[in-house]
Amino acid sequence: MELTPRTGPDAGTGADGAGTPPASRRSTRSRLPAIVLIVVVVLGLGFVLVKALGSATTFYRNVDEAVAERESLGTKRFRLQGTVVDGTIERTGEGVDFVITFNGVELPVQHTGDPPEMFKPDEAVLLEGHFVEGSDVYRSDLMIVKHSEVYEAENEDRLKEAEEGGHVQSSTSAGEATEP
C-alpha cells in the first residue's frame, strides 16, 4: 500500500482508476452546507432589517396636516400629534374615545387599550395608528403622553431621577449618601 499523495491528472482516482473522487468535487460538496448557511443568515438579517426600518419610517403628522392629507394617507400607519380636547374623553370596552386638536383642527380618535396614567384633557399626546377606511376617525393602538412645561416645572426632581435611571441618593442615619 502506497501512502504518498498523488499529484497530476489522475490524482483523484485509485490504482484501479475508480477510487476516490477528484479533490475539486470533494471540496465543492464540503463547502455546500457552509454556502447554504451563509445564504440563510443573509436572508434572515435582510428580513429583520426590513422589518426594523419599516417601523422606524412610520410617518409623523400633526392633526391639521393629517386631516389635510387624509386622501393620500389612506389607511397607512402613521404617528399623529395633538392635544386632548377637554370634555371629549369617553371610556369604552376596548379603550377610550376622545378628540384631539392641533392648529384649530379637531379629529376624533378611537384608542384600543388602556391609556397611560398621565392621559387627561389638555395634555399633548402622540398616537400611532391609521385612519378608519371610509371615515375621518383615527384608530390608534399606541399612545404616548407628552409632558407639558407645567408638569416639568412641578416635577423637576422626578424627571431628573428618571433621566438618571431611577437611582436616588438618600441619606442614612450617619448622614452618608448611599444608592439603593
Protein backbone atom coordinates (compact mmCIF):
# COMPACT_ATOMS: atom_id res chain seq x y z
CA MET A 1 0.00 0.00 0.00
CA GLU A 2 1.46 3.30 -1.08
CA LEU A 3 0.76 6.36 1.14
CA THR A 4 2.38 9.16 -0.82
CA PRO A 5 0.00 11.85 -2.11
CA ARG A 6 -0.68 11.81 -5.78
CA THR A 7 -0.35 14.89 -7.92
CA GLY A 8 -1.32 15.00 -11.53
CA PRO A 9 -4.33 14.40 -13.76
CA ASP A 10 -5.28 11.06 -12.27
CA ALA A 11 -4.61 12.01 -8.63
CA GLY A 12 -8.25 11.57 -7.58
CA THR A 13 -8.57 8.01 -8.74
CA GLY A 14 -7.34 4.90 -7.04
CA ALA A 15 -4.93 2.45 -8.54
CA ASP A 16 -7.77 0.81 -10.45
CA GLY A 17 -8.95 4.16 -11.86
CA ALA A 18 -12.26 4.15 -9.94
CA GLY A 19 -11.39 5.02 -6.26
CA THR A 20 -11.98 8.37 -4.59
CA PRO A 21 -13.43 11.37 -6.43
CA PRO A 22 -11.16 14.21 -7.53
CA ALA A 23 -10.31 16.82 -4.85
CA SER A 24 -12.26 19.58 -6.63
CA ARG A 25 -15.50 17.59 -6.39
CA ARG A 26 -14.89 16.78 -2.73
CA SER A 27 -14.24 20.41 -1.75
CA THR A 28 -17.38 21.63 -3.56
CA ARG A 29 -19.51 19.14 -1.64
CA SER A 30 -17.93 20.07 1.68
CA ARG A 31 -18.46 23.81 1.02
CA LEU A 32 -22.12 23.46 0.02
CA PRO A 33 -23.54 23.41 3.61
CA ALA A 34 -21.46 26.47 4.50
CA ILE A 35 -22.70 28.35 1.43
CA VAL A 36 -26.32 27.43 2.21
CA LEU A 37 -25.85 28.57 5.83
CA ILE A 38 -24.41 31.92 4.71
CA VAL A 39 -27.32 32.49 2.30
CA VAL A 40 -29.88 31.67 5.03
CA VAL A 41 -28.17 34.03 7.52
CA VAL A 42 -28.01 36.87 4.97
CA LEU A 43 -31.70 36.43 4.08
CA GLY A 44 -32.64 36.36 7.78
CA LEU A 45 -30.70 39.54 8.51
CA GLY A 46 -32.26 41.20 5.48
CA PHE A 47 -35.76 40.31 6.72
CA VAL A 48 -35.05 41.68 10.21
CA LEU A 49 -33.57 44.87 8.74
CA VAL A 50 -36.60 45.48 6.51
CA LYS A 51 -39.00 44.95 9.45
CA ALA A 52 -37.00 47.28 11.71
CA LEU A 53 -36.73 50.02 9.11
CA GLY A 54 -40.41 49.65 8.25
CA SER A 55 -41.48 50.62 11.77
CA ALA A 56 -38.80 53.31 12.02
CA THR A 57 -40.11 55.06 8.92
CA THR A 58 -43.66 55.47 10.23
CA PHE A 59 -44.83 58.95 9.16
CA TYR A 60 -45.28 61.68 11.78
CA ARG A 61 -48.07 64.27 11.34
CA ASN A 62 -49.83 66.97 13.37
CA VAL A 63 -53.64 66.80 13.36
CA ASP A 64 -54.03 69.64 10.85
CA GLU A 65 -51.52 68.03 8.46
CA ALA A 66 -53.13 64.60 8.77
CA VAL A 67 -56.62 65.94 8.05
CA ALA A 68 -55.33 67.91 5.04
CA GLU A 69 -53.56 64.79 3.71
CA ARG A 70 -56.38 62.36 4.56
CA GLU A 71 -56.82 61.10 0.98
CA SER A 72 -53.12 60.46 0.34
CA LEU A 73 -52.61 58.80 3.75
CA GLY A 74 -55.48 56.37 3.21
CA THR A 75 -55.23 53.59 5.77
CA LYS A 76 -51.42 53.71 6.02
CA ARG A 77 -50.00 53.61 9.53
CA PHE A 78 -48.56 56.91 10.79
CA ARG A 79 -47.95 58.84 14.01
CA LEU A 80 -50.27 61.66 14.99
CA GLN A 81 -49.69 64.51 17.44
CA GLY A 82 -52.29 66.68 19.07
CA THR A 83 -53.81 67.90 22.33
CA VAL A 84 -56.73 66.10 24.00
CA VAL A 85 -59.88 68.28 23.87
CA ASP A 86 -61.50 68.82 27.28
CA GLY A 87 -64.88 67.10 27.73
CA THR A 88 -64.39 64.56 24.91
CA ILE A 89 -62.89 61.59 26.78
CA GLU A 90 -65.20 58.59 26.85
CA ARG A 91 -64.14 55.18 28.17
CA THR A 92 -65.15 52.19 26.03
CA GLY A 93 -64.92 48.44 26.48
CA GLU A 94 -61.83 48.32 24.26
CA GLY A 95 -60.10 51.53 25.40
CA VAL A 96 -61.01 55.19 25.11
CA ASP A 97 -62.52 57.55 22.53
CA PHE A 98 -61.64 61.24 22.50
CA VAL A 99 -60.94 64.20 20.23
CA ILE A 100 -57.53 65.77 19.64
CA THR A 101 -56.72 69.15 18.17
CA PHE A 102 -53.78 70.99 16.62
CA ASN A 103 -53.82 74.44 14.98
CA GLY A 104 -57.61 74.65 15.36
CA VAL A 105 -58.32 71.35 13.54
CA GLU A 106 -60.04 68.58 15.51
CA LEU A 107 -60.01 64.83 14.87
CA PRO A 108 -61.92 62.04 16.66
CA VAL A 109 -59.75 59.16 17.94
CA GLN A 110 -60.64 55.58 18.86
CA HIS A 111 -57.82 54.22 21.01
CA THR A 112 -57.59 50.48 21.69
CA GLY A 113 -56.02 49.57 25.03
CA ASP A 114 -55.62 51.35 28.33
CA PRO A 115 -54.31 54.90 28.08
CA PRO A 116 -51.24 55.89 30.14
CA GLU A 117 -51.81 57.24 33.66
CA MET A 118 -50.90 60.78 32.57
CA PHE A 119 -53.66 60.80 29.92
CA LYS A 120 -56.06 63.69 30.60
CA PRO A 121 -57.69 66.70 28.89
CA ASP A 122 -55.43 69.49 27.60
CA GLU A 123 -52.36 67.16 27.51
CA ALA A 124 -50.36 66.59 24.34
CA VAL A 125 -50.42 63.01 23.05
CA LEU A 126 -48.55 61.13 20.38
CA LEU A 127 -50.57 58.34 18.80
CA GLU A 128 -49.69 55.60 16.34
CA GLY A 129 -52.35 54.11 14.13
CA HIS A 130 -54.32 54.82 10.95
CA PHE A 131 -57.49 56.37 9.58
CA VAL A 132 -60.54 54.09 9.59
CA GLU A 133 -61.42 53.30 5.98
CA GLY A 134 -64.30 55.45 4.75
CA SER A 135 -64.33 57.83 7.72
CA ASP A 136 -62.43 60.69 9.33
CA VAL A 137 -61.78 58.72 12.54
CA TYR A 138 -58.23 57.90 13.59
CA ARG A 139 -57.78 54.48 15.24
CA SER A 140 -54.70 54.09 17.44
CA ASP A 141 -53.13 51.26 19.40
CA LEU A 142 -50.13 53.14 20.82
CA MET A 143 -50.33 56.29 22.92
CA ILE A 144 -47.53 58.34 24.46
CA VAL A 145 -48.45 61.26 26.71
CA LYS A 146 -46.12 64.22 26.33
CA HIS A 147 -45.39 66.26 29.47
CA SER A 148 -46.25 69.94 29.39
CA GLU A 149 -43.94 72.64 30.73
CA VAL A 150 -46.16 72.94 33.83
CA TYR A 151 -45.66 69.24 34.64
CA GLU A 152 -41.93 69.55 34.05
CA ALA A 153 -41.67 72.58 36.37
CA GLU A 154 -43.72 70.92 39.14
CA ASN A 155 -41.90 67.58 38.90
CA GLU A 156 -38.32 68.60 38.12
CA ASP A 157 -36.83 66.22 40.73
CA ARG A 158 -38.91 63.29 39.48
CA LEU A 159 -37.85 63.87 35.87
CA LYS A 160 -34.20 64.20 36.88
CA GLU A 161 -34.50 60.88 38.73
CA ALA A 162 -35.96 59.23 35.63
CA GLU A 163 -33.16 60.57 33.44
CA GLU A 164 -30.59 59.16 35.87
CA GLY A 165 -32.14 55.70 35.62
CA GLY A 166 -34.15 55.83 38.84
CA HIS A 167 -31.15 55.96 41.19
CA VAL A 168 -31.88 58.35 44.02
CA GLN A 169 -29.38 59.16 46.72
CA SER A 170 -30.81 59.01 50.21
CA SER A 171 -29.14 59.88 53.48
CA THR A 172 -28.57 57.25 56.14
CA SER A 173 -28.69 57.76 59.87
CA ALA A 174 -24.96 58.50 59.79
CA GLY A 175 -25.56 61.25 57.24
CA GLU A 176 -23.77 59.50 54.35
CA ALA A 177 -25.27 59.38 50.89
CA THR A 178 -25.91 55.88 49.52
CA GLU A 179 -27.52 54.43 46.47
CA PRO A 180 -30.24 51.84 46.95
